[in-house]
């Protein structure tokens, strides 16, 4: 019976905890002695200790509305949980940062902040953000990772990326400071969201023990090519994709063949459309003219 009763005692969590403790403890000698005296016998085998009345939250009067709207409820003592910020590093000198919802692996909503930061070069420089780029599906680096939403809210899961001029600076310690700085920045934006949000840096999650992972583990294939072109602008992409050391560094040893096959397909498709010789890196891969990526001092 889910109907509440006006004659019952309101639900009291302290009383309930005491009730549970009393009901689960074995009867003490003093309890048995009181029972025996009350019944006029010394035979305690047929006696039961006094049982306090149980209080059921279902039968108690609801206090809905006294604690605020349902949307304000969370599982951490009433305080709304923060969106979670994670970082990681790749072998070729890039730091990665992405933001998840408090309790799920979906991308947190930061689009207003992302758009405003991208429109302000001084913020990009100050907070060491080279660009925002789509992440790749962990099972297939050629596919975009979904932000986890549905309908017209579905889209890519973006991350912030920073290209270190000196790859040796790409350490977990550096990324920790970076993540905390960006959490503070996003907090300022989140306070003005339609639904105010807070952000907290949760740590570095580089997926290998040697502190780095191939760049292709984080972002989609065409973005990897873009960064290769920007990192070594004295070489063409054709030169780099024919160099084992370079391909291994960016795609990992187990991804070399797949990367070269994807590059061949990309070049073949582009070559059938472009024949005027204006593409310096072969095919349709003039990534160096794209905005957003510039060498930055660490």
C-alpha atoms as a PDB file:
ATOM      1  CA  UNK A   1       0.000   0.000   0.000  1.00  0.00           C
ATOM      2  CA  UNK A   2       1.788   3.114  -1.269  1.00  0.00           C
ATOM      3  CA  UNK A   3      -0.693   5.583   0.235  1.00  0.00           C
ATOM      4  CA  UNK A   4       0.788   7.777   2.946  1.00  0.00           C
ATOM      5  CA  UNK A   5      -0.888   8.087   6.323  1.00  0.00           C
ATOM      6  CA  UNK A   6      -1.259  11.327   8.248  1.00  0.00           C
ATOM      7  CA  UNK A   7      -1.302   9.397  11.535  1.00  0.00           C
ATOM      8  CA  UNK A   8       2.145   7.844  11.183  1.00  0.00           C
ATOM      9  CA  UNK A   9       5.414   9.297  12.378  1.00  0.00           C
ATOM     10  CA  UNK A  10       7.422  11.132   9.673  1.00  0.00           C
ATOM     11  CA  UNK A  11      10.360   9.147   8.348  1.00  0.00           C
ATOM     12  CA  UNK A  12      13.453   9.702  10.526  1.00  0.00           C
ATOM     13  CA  UNK A  13      16.674   8.187   9.131  1.00  0.00           C
ATOM     14  CA  UNK A  14      18.372   8.301  12.582  1.00  0.00           C
ATOM     15  CA  UNK A  15      15.527   6.399  14.202  1.00  0.00           C
ATOM     16  CA  UNK A  16      15.520   3.913  11.330  1.00  0.00           C
ATOM     17  CA  UNK A  17      19.247   3.223  11.698  1.00  0.00           C
ATOM     18  CA  UNK A  18      18.800   2.681  15.463  1.00  0.00           C
ATOM     19  CA  UNK A  19      15.860   0.368  14.751  1.00  0.00           C
ATOM     20  CA  UNK A  20      17.881  -1.704  12.288  1.00  0.00           C
ATOM     21  CA  UNK A  21      20.773  -1.958  14.758  1.00  0.00           C
ATOM     22  CA  UNK A  22      18.452  -3.039  17.607  1.00  0.00           C
ATOM     23  CA  UNK A  23      16.655  -5.612  15.470  1.00  0.00           C
ATOM     24  CA  UNK A  24      19.860  -7.217  14.252  1.00  0.00           C
ATOM     25  CA  UNK A  25      21.693  -7.448  17.584  1.00  0.00           C
ATOM     26  CA  UNK A  26      21.460 -10.576  19.698  1.00  0.00           C
ATOM     27  CA  UNK A  27      19.529 -10.099  22.978  1.00  0.00           C
ATOM     28  CA  UNK A  28      21.809  -9.232  25.873  1.00  0.00           C
ATOM     29  CA  UNK A  29      21.717 -10.757  29.369  1.00  0.00           C
ATOM     30  CA  UNK A  30      20.013  -7.642  30.700  1.00  0.00           C
ATOM     31  CA  UNK A  31      17.333  -7.945  28.026  1.00  0.00           C
ATOM     32  CA  UNK A  32      16.706 -11.579  28.959  1.00  0.00           C
ATOM     33  CA  UNK A  33      16.577 -10.729  32.678  1.00  0.00           C
ATOM     34  CA  UNK A  34      13.960  -8.045  32.091  1.00  0.00           C
ATOM     35  CA  UNK A  35      11.896 -10.433  29.996  1.00  0.00           C
ATOM     36  CA  UNK A  36      12.081 -13.121  32.674  1.00  0.00           C
ATOM     37  CA  UNK A  37      11.029 -10.723  35.430  1.00  0.00           C
ATOM     38  CA  UNK A  38       8.144  -9.442  33.362  1.00  0.00           C
ATOM     39  CA  UNK A  39       6.830 -12.949  32.661  1.00  0.00           C
ATOM     40  CA  UNK A  40       7.433 -14.272  36.179  1.00  0.00           C
ATOM     41  CA  UNK A  41       9.631 -17.123  34.986  1.00  0.00           C
ATOM     42  CA  UNK A  42      13.341 -17.789  34.778  1.00  0.00           C
ATOM     43  CA  UNK A  43      12.974 -19.764  31.553  1.00  0.00           C
ATOM     44  CA  UNK A  44      14.306 -17.461  28.871  1.00  0.00           C
ATOM     45  CA  UNK A  45      14.051 -19.961  26.035  1.00  0.00           C
ATOM     46  CA  UNK A  46      10.435 -18.971  25.267  1.00  0.00           C
ATOM     47  CA  UNK A  47      10.879 -15.269  25.744  1.00  0.00           C
ATOM     48  CA  UNK A  48      11.576 -12.638  23.125  1.00  0.00           C
ATOM     49  CA  UNK A  49      13.172  -9.223  23.793  1.00  0.00           C
ATOM     50  CA  UNK A  50      11.034  -6.154  23.434  1.00  0.00           C
ATOM     51  CA  UNK A  51      10.816  -5.140  19.766  1.00  0.00           C
ATOM     52  CA  UNK A  52      10.591  -1.424  19.003  1.00  0.00           C
ATOM     53  CA  UNK A  53       8.099  -0.488  16.327  1.00  0.00           C
ATOM     54  CA  UNK A  54       9.512  -0.317  12.803  1.00  0.00           C
ATOM     55  CA  UNK A  55       9.253   2.869  10.762  1.00  0.00           C
ATOM     56  CA  UNK A  56       8.701   2.507   7.033  1.00  0.00           C
ATOM     57  CA  UNK A  57       9.532   5.353   4.648  1.00  0.00           C
ATOM     58  CA  UNK A  58       6.769   4.138   2.332  1.00  0.00           C
ATOM     59  CA  UNK A  59       4.116   4.533   5.050  1.00  0.00           C
ATOM     60  CA  UNK A  60       5.457   7.852   6.279  1.00  0.00           C
ATOM     61  CA  UNK A  61       4.260  11.216   5.085  1.00  0.00           C
ATOM     62  CA  UNK A  62       6.219  12.537   2.110  1.00  0.00           C
ATOM     63  CA  UNK A  63       8.189  15.741   2.466  1.00  0.00           C
ATOM     64  CA  UNK A  64       8.506  16.271  -1.278  1.00  0.00           C
ATOM     65  CA  UNK A  65       9.102  19.884  -2.158  1.00  0.00           C
ATOM     66  CA  UNK A  66      10.789  20.840   1.103  1.00  0.00           C
ATOM     67  CA  UNK A  67      14.223  19.920  -0.202  1.00  0.00           C
ATOM     68  CA  UNK A  68      14.140  21.742  -3.525  1.00  0.00           C
ATOM     69  CA  UNK A  69      13.413  20.561  -7.085  1.00  0.00           C
ATOM     70  CA  UNK A  70      14.186  17.013  -8.155  1.00  0.00           C
ATOM     71  CA  UNK A  71      16.784  18.293 -10.626  1.00  0.00           C
ATOM     72  CA  UNK A  72      18.930  19.519  -7.731  1.00  0.00           C
ATOM     73  CA  UNK A  73      19.301  16.036  -6.235  1.00  0.00           C
ATOM     74  CA  UNK A  74      22.612  14.175  -6.461  1.00  0.00           C
ATOM     75  CA  UNK A  75      24.227  11.247  -4.689  1.00  0.00           C
ATOM     76  CA  UNK A  76      26.993  13.174  -2.934  1.00  0.00           C
ATOM     77  CA  UNK A  77      25.156  14.620   0.032  1.00  0.00           C
ATOM     78  CA  UNK A  78      22.962  17.020  -1.912  1.00  0.00           C
ATOM     79  CA  UNK A  79      25.793  18.844  -3.674  1.00  0.00           C
ATOM     80  CA  UNK A  80      25.565  18.671  -7.444  1.00  0.00           C
ATOM     81  CA  UNK A  81      28.463  16.710  -8.925  1.00  0.00           C
ATOM     82  CA  UNK A  82      31.014  18.319 -11.208  1.00  0.00           C
ATOM     83  CA  UNK A  83      31.765  17.435 -14.815  1.00  0.00           C
ATOM     84  CA  UNK A  84      34.966  15.398 -15.001  1.00  0.00           C
ATOM     85  CA  UNK A  85      38.109  16.523 -16.844  1.00  0.00           C
ATOM     86  CA  UNK A  86      40.729  13.986 -17.973  1.00  0.00           C
ATOM     87  CA  UNK A  87      44.074  14.366 -19.738  1.00  0.00           C
ATOM     88  CA  UNK A  88      46.511  12.121 -21.569  1.00  0.00           C
ATOM     89  CA  UNK A  89      49.742  12.380 -23.555  1.00  0.00           C
ATOM     90  CA  UNK A  90      50.792  11.018 -26.944  1.00  0.00           C
ATOM     91  CA  UNK A  91      54.286   9.931 -27.985  1.00  0.00           C
ATOM     92  CA  UNK A  92      54.859  12.689 -30.531  1.00  0.00           C
ATOM     93  CA  UNK A  93      54.406  15.561 -28.059  1.00  0.00           C
ATOM     94  CA  UNK A  94      50.673  16.308 -27.824  1.00  0.00           C
ATOM     95  CA  UNK A  95      48.593  16.779 -24.691  1.00  0.00           C
ATOM     96  CA  UNK A  96      44.901  15.860 -24.795  1.00  0.00           C
ATOM     97  CA  UNK A  97      42.022  16.990 -22.581  1.00  0.00           C
ATOM     98  CA  UNK A  98      38.366  15.987 -22.642  1.00  0.00           C
ATOM     99  CA  UNK A  99      35.326  16.522 -20.410  1.00  0.00           C
ATOM    100  CA  UNK A 100      32.764  13.905 -19.341  1.00  0.00           C
ATOM    101  CA  UNK A 101      29.494  14.130 -17.462  1.00  0.00           C
ATOM    102  CA  UNK A 102      29.619  13.530 -13.684  1.00  0.00           C
ATOM    103  CA  UNK A 103      28.296   9.951 -13.728  1.00  0.00           C
ATOM    104  CA  UNK A 104      28.366   8.889 -17.392  1.00  0.00           C
ATOM    105  CA  UNK A 105      30.904   8.651 -20.209  1.00  0.00           C
ATOM    106  CA  UNK A 106      29.012  11.066 -22.424  1.00  0.00           C
ATOM    107  CA  UNK A 107      30.643  14.327 -23.418  1.00  0.00           C
ATOM    108  CA  UNK A 108      29.776  17.159 -21.046  1.00  0.00           C
ATOM    109  CA  UNK A 109      28.069  20.202 -22.546  1.00  0.00           C
ATOM    110  CA  UNK A 110      30.757  22.875 -23.047  1.00  0.00           C
ATOM    111  CA  UNK A 111      29.938  24.166 -26.543  1.00  0.00           C
ATOM    112  CA  UNK A 112      29.346  27.821 -25.534  1.00  0.00           C
ATOM    113  CA  UNK A 113      32.681  27.861 -23.729  1.00  0.00           C
ATOM    114  CA  UNK A 114      34.466  26.038 -26.551  1.00  0.00           C
ATOM    115  CA  UNK A 115      33.158  28.460 -29.184  1.00  0.00           C
ATOM    116  CA  UNK A 116      34.116  31.508 -27.123  1.00  0.00           C
ATOM    117  CA  UNK A 117      37.614  30.206 -26.332  1.00  0.00           C
ATOM    118  CA  UNK A 118      38.269  29.421 -29.997  1.00  0.00           C
ATOM    119  CA  UNK A 119      37.221  32.968 -30.907  1.00  0.00           C
ATOM    120  CA  UNK A 120      39.779  34.457 -28.481  1.00  0.00           C
ATOM    121  CA  UNK A 121      43.402  33.760 -29.470  1.00  0.00           C
ATOM    122  CA  UNK A 122      44.650  35.227 -26.197  1.00  0.00           C
ATOM    123  CA  UNK A 123      42.754  32.548 -24.241  1.00  0.00           C
ATOM    124  CA  UNK A 124      43.996  29.807 -26.558  1.00  0.00           C
ATOM    125  CA  UNK A 125      47.567  30.960 -25.935  1.00  0.00           C
ATOM    126  CA  UNK A 126      47.217  31.576 -22.209  1.00  0.00           C
ATOM    127  CA  UNK A 127      45.620  28.195 -21.502  1.00  0.00           C
ATOM    128  CA  UNK A 128      47.798  26.244 -23.953  1.00  0.00           C
ATOM    129  CA  UNK A 129      45.070  25.079 -26.334  1.00  0.00           C
ATOM    130  CA  UNK A 130      46.142  24.583 -29.938  1.00  0.00           C
ATOM    131  CA  UNK A 131      42.674  23.562 -31.099  1.00  0.00           C
ATOM    132  CA  UNK A 132      39.529  21.560 -30.352  1.00  0.00           C
ATOM    133  CA  UNK A 133      39.431  18.398 -32.473  1.00  0.00           C
ATOM    134  CA  UNK A 134      37.084  15.383 -32.674  1.00  0.00           C
ATOM    135  CA  UNK A 135      38.152  12.259 -30.831  1.00  0.00           C
ATOM    136  CA  UNK A 136      38.206   8.898 -32.557  1.00  0.00           C
ATOM    137  CA  UNK A 137      36.291   5.735 -31.776  1.00  0.00           C
ATOM    138  CA  UNK A 138      38.590   3.539 -29.621  1.00  0.00           C
ATOM    139  CA  UNK A 139      37.767   0.512 -31.774  1.00  0.00           C
ATOM    140  CA  UNK A 140      38.270   2.275 -35.132  1.00  0.00           C
ATOM    141  CA  UNK A 141      40.472   5.355 -35.479  1.00  0.00           C
ATOM    142  CA  UNK A 142      38.835   6.205 -38.816  1.00  0.00           C
ATOM    143  CA  UNK A 143      35.496   6.856 -37.112  1.00  0.00           C
ATOM    144  CA  UNK A 144      34.429   9.765 -34.940  1.00  0.00           C
ATOM    145  CA  UNK A 145      33.669   9.089 -31.298  1.00  0.00           C
ATOM    146  CA  UNK A 146      30.069  10.009 -30.525  1.00  0.00           C
ATOM    147  CA  UNK A 147      29.304  12.485 -27.775  1.00  0.00           C
ATOM    148  CA  UNK A 148      26.839   9.883 -26.481  1.00  0.00           C
ATOM    149  CA  UNK A 149      23.727  11.961 -27.043  1.00  0.00           C
ATOM    150  CA  UNK A 150      20.746  11.260 -29.290  1.00  0.00           C
ATOM    151  CA  UNK A 151      18.620  13.077 -31.855  1.00  0.00           C
ATOM    152  CA  UNK A 152      19.692  16.556 -32.910  1.00  0.00           C
ATOM    153  CA  UNK A 153      22.096  16.716 -29.957  1.00  0.00           C
ATOM    154  CA  UNK A 154      24.232  13.869 -31.289  1.00  0.00           C
ATOM    155  CA  UNK A 155      27.645  14.819 -32.662  1.00  0.00           C
ATOM    156  CA  UNK A 156      31.395  14.292 -32.289  1.00  0.00           C
ATOM    157  CA  UNK A 157      33.095  14.110 -28.897  1.00  0.00           C
ATOM    158  CA  UNK A 158      35.625  16.975 -28.996  1.00  0.00           C
ATOM    159  CA  UNK A 159      38.843  17.311 -27.046  1.00  0.00           C
ATOM    160  CA  UNK A 160      41.278  20.155 -26.475  1.00  0.00           C
ATOM    161  CA  UNK A 161      44.745  19.449 -27.819  1.00  0.00           C
ATOM    162  CA  UNK A 162      48.062  21.184 -27.274  1.00  0.00           C
ATOM    163  CA  UNK A 163      51.134  20.684 -29.481  1.00  0.00           C
ATOM    164  CA  UNK A 164      54.269  20.937 -27.382  1.00  0.00           C
ATOM    165  CA  UNK A 165      57.152  22.650 -29.099  1.00  0.00           C
ATOM    166  CA  UNK A 166      59.390  20.570 -26.839  1.00  0.00           C
ATOM    167  CA  UNK A 167      57.845  17.064 -26.561  1.00  0.00           C
ATOM    168  CA  UNK A 168      59.836  16.416 -23.368  1.00  0.00           C
ATOM    169  CA  UNK A 169      57.525  18.848 -21.575  1.00  0.00           C
ATOM    170  CA  UNK A 170      54.566  16.561 -22.255  1.00  0.00           C
ATOM    171  CA  UNK A 171      54.545  14.959 -18.804  1.00  0.00           C
ATOM    172  CA  UNK A 172      51.788  13.876 -16.427  1.00  0.00           C
ATOM    173  CA  UNK A 173      52.813  16.696 -14.085  1.00  0.00           C
ATOM    174  CA  UNK A 174      52.458  19.310 -16.839  1.00  0.00           C
ATOM    175  CA  UNK A 175      49.100  17.874 -17.907  1.00  0.00           C
ATOM    176  CA  UNK A 176      47.857  17.952 -14.316  1.00  0.00           C
ATOM    177  CA  UNK A 177      48.520  21.691 -14.050  1.00  0.00           C
ATOM    178  CA  UNK A 178      46.969  22.180 -17.491  1.00  0.00           C
ATOM    179  CA  UNK A 179      43.839  20.247 -16.531  1.00  0.00           C
ATOM    180  CA  UNK A 180      43.348  22.182 -13.311  1.00  0.00           C
ATOM    181  CA  UNK A 181      43.804  25.525 -15.084  1.00  0.00           C
ATOM    182  CA  UNK A 182      41.209  24.646 -17.700  1.00  0.00           C
ATOM    183  CA  UNK A 183      38.825  23.386 -14.998  1.00  0.00           C
ATOM    184  CA  UNK A 184      38.989  26.828 -13.388  1.00  0.00           C
ATOM    185  CA  UNK A 185      38.416  28.475 -16.769  1.00  0.00           C
ATOM    186  CA  UNK A 186      35.392  26.291 -17.547  1.00  0.00           C
ATOM    187  CA  UNK A 187      34.000  26.978 -14.073  1.00  0.00           C
ATOM    188  CA  UNK A 188      33.749  30.655 -15.009  1.00  0.00           C
ATOM    189  CA  UNK A 189      31.802  29.791 -18.158  1.00  0.00           C
ATOM    190  CA  UNK A 190      29.703  27.129 -16.416  1.00  0.00           C
ATOM    191  CA  UNK A 191      28.401  29.616 -13.855  1.00  0.00           C
ATOM    192  CA  UNK A 192      26.595  31.399 -16.711  1.00  0.00           C
ATOM    193  CA  UNK A 193      25.191  28.320 -18.473  1.00  0.00           C
ATOM    194  CA  UNK A 194      21.414  27.953 -18.629  1.00  0.00           C
ATOM    195  CA  UNK A 195      21.924  25.026 -16.282  1.00  0.00           C
ATOM    196  CA  UNK A 196      24.954  26.054 -14.202  1.00  0.00           C
ATOM    197  CA  UNK A 197      27.785  23.535 -14.216  1.00  0.00           C
ATOM    198  CA  UNK A 198      31.063  23.030 -12.411  1.00  0.00           C
ATOM    199  CA  UNK A 199      34.212  21.227 -13.546  1.00  0.00           C
ATOM    200  CA  UNK A 200      36.837  19.188 -11.735  1.00  0.00           C
ATOM    201  CA  UNK A 201      40.129  17.726 -12.948  1.00  0.00           C
ATOM    202  CA  UNK A 202      40.093  13.987 -12.248  1.00  0.00           C
ATOM    203  CA  UNK A 203      43.553  12.958 -13.380  1.00  0.00           C
ATOM    204  CA  UNK A 204      45.703  11.718 -16.218  1.00  0.00           C
ATOM    205  CA  UNK A 205      44.550   8.595 -18.038  1.00  0.00           C
ATOM    206  CA  UNK A 206      47.295   7.928 -20.568  1.00  0.00           C
ATOM    207  CA  UNK A 207      46.545   4.325 -21.583  1.00  0.00           C
ATOM    208  CA  UNK A 208      50.102   2.904 -21.502  1.00  0.00           C
ATOM    209  CA  UNK A 209      52.625   2.362 -18.759  1.00  0.00           C
ATOM    210  CA  UNK A 210      55.391   4.365 -20.458  1.00  0.00           C
ATOM    211  CA  UNK A 211      53.394   7.612 -20.049  1.00  0.00           C
ATOM    212  CA  UNK A 212      52.504   8.006 -23.719  1.00  0.00           C
ATOM    213  CA  UNK A 213      50.334   6.503 -26.466  1.00  0.00           C
ATOM    214  CA  UNK A 214      50.264   6.995 -30.267  1.00  0.00           C
ATOM    215  CA  UNK A 215      48.422  10.096 -31.446  1.00  0.00           C
ATOM    216  CA  UNK A 216      46.086   7.954 -33.583  1.00  0.00           C
ATOM    217  CA  UNK A 217      44.672   6.446 -30.389  1.00  0.00           C
ATOM    218  CA  UNK A 218      43.061   9.776 -29.532  1.00  0.00           C
ATOM    219  CA  UNK A 219      41.953  11.583 -32.701  1.00  0.00           C
ATOM    220  CA  UNK A 220      40.664  10.639 -36.155  1.00  0.00           C
ATOM    221  CA  UNK A 221      42.946   9.860 -39.069  1.00  0.00           C
ATOM    222  CA  UNK A 222      42.653  13.112 -41.012  1.00  0.00           C
ATOM    223  CA  UNK A 223      43.478  15.096 -37.856  1.00  0.00           C
ATOM    224  CA  UNK A 224      46.601  13.000 -37.321  1.00  0.00           C
ATOM    225  CA  UNK A 225      47.713  13.852 -40.864  1.00  0.00           C
ATOM    226  CA  UNK A 226      47.009  17.496 -40.167  1.00  0.00           C
ATOM    227  CA  UNK A 227      49.276  17.492 -37.117  1.00  0.00           C
ATOM    228  CA  UNK A 228      51.999  15.591 -38.972  1.00  0.00           C
ATOM    229  CA  UNK A 229      52.016  18.280 -41.673  1.00  0.00           C
ATOM    230  CA  UNK A 230      52.209  21.039 -39.065  1.00  0.00           C
ATOM    231  CA  UNK A 231      54.901  19.315 -37.037  1.00  0.00           C
ATOM    232  CA  UNK A 232      57.292  18.697 -39.923  1.00  0.00           C
ATOM    233  CA  UNK A 233      56.511  21.346 -42.516  1.00  0.00           C
ATOM    234  CA  UNK A 234      59.853  20.751 -44.268  1.00  0.00           C
ATOM    235  CA  UNK A 235      58.604  17.331 -45.369  1.00  0.00           C
ATOM    236  CA  UNK A 236      55.621  16.280 -47.436  1.00  0.00           C
ATOM    237  CA  UNK A 237      53.065  13.842 -46.099  1.00  0.00           C
ATOM    238  CA  UNK A 238      54.169  11.399 -48.790  1.00  0.00           C
ATOM    239  CA  UNK A 239      57.707  11.483 -47.372  1.00  0.00           C
ATOM    240  CA  UNK A 240      56.490  10.989 -43.807  1.00  0.00           C
ATOM    241  CA  UNK A 241      54.083   8.176 -44.645  1.00  0.00           C
ATOM    242  CA  UNK A 242      56.954   6.335 -46.345  1.00  0.00           C
ATOM    243  CA  UNK A 243      59.169   6.655 -43.265  1.00  0.00           C
ATOM    244  CA  UNK A 244      58.744   3.758 -40.837  1.00  0.00           C
ATOM    245  CA  UNK A 245      59.939   5.674 -37.780  1.00  0.00           C
ATOM    246  CA  UNK A 246      57.489   8.525 -38.345  1.00  0.00           C
ATOM    247  CA  UNK A 247      54.503   6.284 -39.099  1.00  0.00           C
ATOM    248  CA  UNK A 248      55.217   4.121 -36.053  1.00  0.00           C
ATOM    249  CA  UNK A 249      55.468   7.176 -33.792  1.00  0.00           C
ATOM    250  CA  UNK A 250      52.116   8.627 -34.882  1.00  0.00           C
ATOM    251  CA  UNK A 251      50.087   5.449 -35.427  1.00  0.00           C
ATOM    252  CA  UNK A 252      51.763   2.789 -33.297  1.00  0.00           C
ATOM    253  CA  UNK A 253      53.493  -0.333 -34.560  1.00  0.00           C
ATOM    254  CA  UNK A 254      50.227  -2.247 -34.891  1.00  0.00           C
ATOM    255  CA  UNK A 255      48.607   0.591 -36.850  1.00  0.00           C
ATOM    256  CA  UNK A 256      51.257   1.208 -39.516  1.00  0.00           C
ATOM    257  CA  UNK A 257      49.760  -0.915 -42.297  1.00  0.00           C
ATOM    258  CA  UNK A 258      46.249   0.353 -41.690  1.00  0.00           C
ATOM    259  CA  UNK A 259      47.432   3.974 -41.701  1.00  0.00           C
ATOM    260  CA  UNK A 260      49.291   3.580 -44.983  1.00  0.00           C
ATOM    261  CA  UNK A 261      46.304   1.878 -46.593  1.00  0.00           C
ATOM    262  CA  UNK A 262      44.013   4.687 -45.414  1.00  0.00           C
ATOM    263  CA  UNK A 263      46.435   7.303 -46.725  1.00  0.00           C
ATOM    264  CA  UNK A 264      46.591   5.552 -50.111  1.00  0.00           C
ATOM    265  CA  UNK A 265      42.790   5.539 -50.325  1.00  0.00           C
ATOM    266  CA  UNK A 266      42.676   9.208 -49.342  1.00  0.00           C
ATOM    267  CA  UNK A 267      45.273  10.141 -51.949  1.00  0.00           C
ATOM    268  CA  UNK A 268      43.571   8.078 -54.628  1.00  0.00           C
ATOM    269  CA  UNK A 269      40.223   9.767 -54.038  1.00  0.00           C
ATOM    270  CA  UNK A 270      41.813  13.203 -53.954  1.00  0.00           C
ATOM    271  CA  UNK A 271      43.946  12.638 -57.042  1.00  0.00           C
ATOM    272  CA  UNK A 272      40.871  11.898 -59.122  1.00  0.00           C
ATOM    273  CA  UNK A 273      39.506  15.344 -58.179  1.00  0.00           C
ATOM    274  CA  UNK A 274      42.690  17.476 -58.134  1.00  0.00           C
ATOM    275  CA  UNK A 275      45.089  17.542 -61.032  1.00  0.00           C
ATOM    276  CA  UNK A 276      46.351  21.133 -61.050  1.00  0.00           C
ATOM    277  CA  UNK A 277      49.380  20.461 -58.826  1.00  0.00           C
ATOM    278  CA  UNK A 278      48.382  23.017 -56.198  1.00  0.00           C
ATOM    279  CA  UNK A 279      48.404  20.588 -53.268  1.00  0.00           C
ATOM    280  CA  UNK A 280      51.902  20.601 -51.734  1.00  0.00           C
ATOM    281  CA  UNK A 281      51.505  17.404 -49.690  1.00  0.00           C
ATOM    282  CA  UNK A 282      50.024  15.219 -52.387  1.00  0.00           C
ATOM    283  CA  UNK A 283      46.310  14.799 -53.065  1.00  0.00           C
ATOM    284  CA  UNK A 284      43.957  17.099 -51.183  1.00  0.00           C
ATOM    285  CA  UNK A 285      45.979  17.415 -47.963  1.00  0.00           C
ATOM    286  CA  UNK A 286      46.948  21.068 -47.645  1.00  0.00           C
ATOM    287  CA  UNK A 287      46.575  20.966 -43.859  1.00  0.00           C
ATOM    288  CA  UNK A 288      49.179  23.646 -43.178  1.00  0.00           C
ATOM    289  CA  UNK A 289      46.769  26.412 -44.225  1.00  0.00           C
ATOM    290  CA  UNK A 290      44.080  25.371 -41.738  1.00  0.00           C
ATOM    291  CA  UNK A 291      43.551  27.867 -38.884  1.00  0.00           C
ATOM    292  CA  UNK A 292      44.024  27.062 -35.222  1.00  0.00           C
ATOM    293  CA  UNK A 293      47.389  25.318 -35.117  1.00  0.00           C
ATOM    294  CA  UNK A 294      50.544  27.326 -34.541  1.00  0.00           C
ATOM    295  CA  UNK A 295      53.791  26.397 -32.811  1.00  0.00           C
ATOM    296  CA  UNK A 296      53.450  27.514 -29.185  1.00  0.00           C
ATOM    297  CA  UNK A 297      56.068  27.880 -26.485  1.00  0.00           C
ATOM    298  CA  UNK A 298      55.545  25.573 -23.547  1.00  0.00           C
END
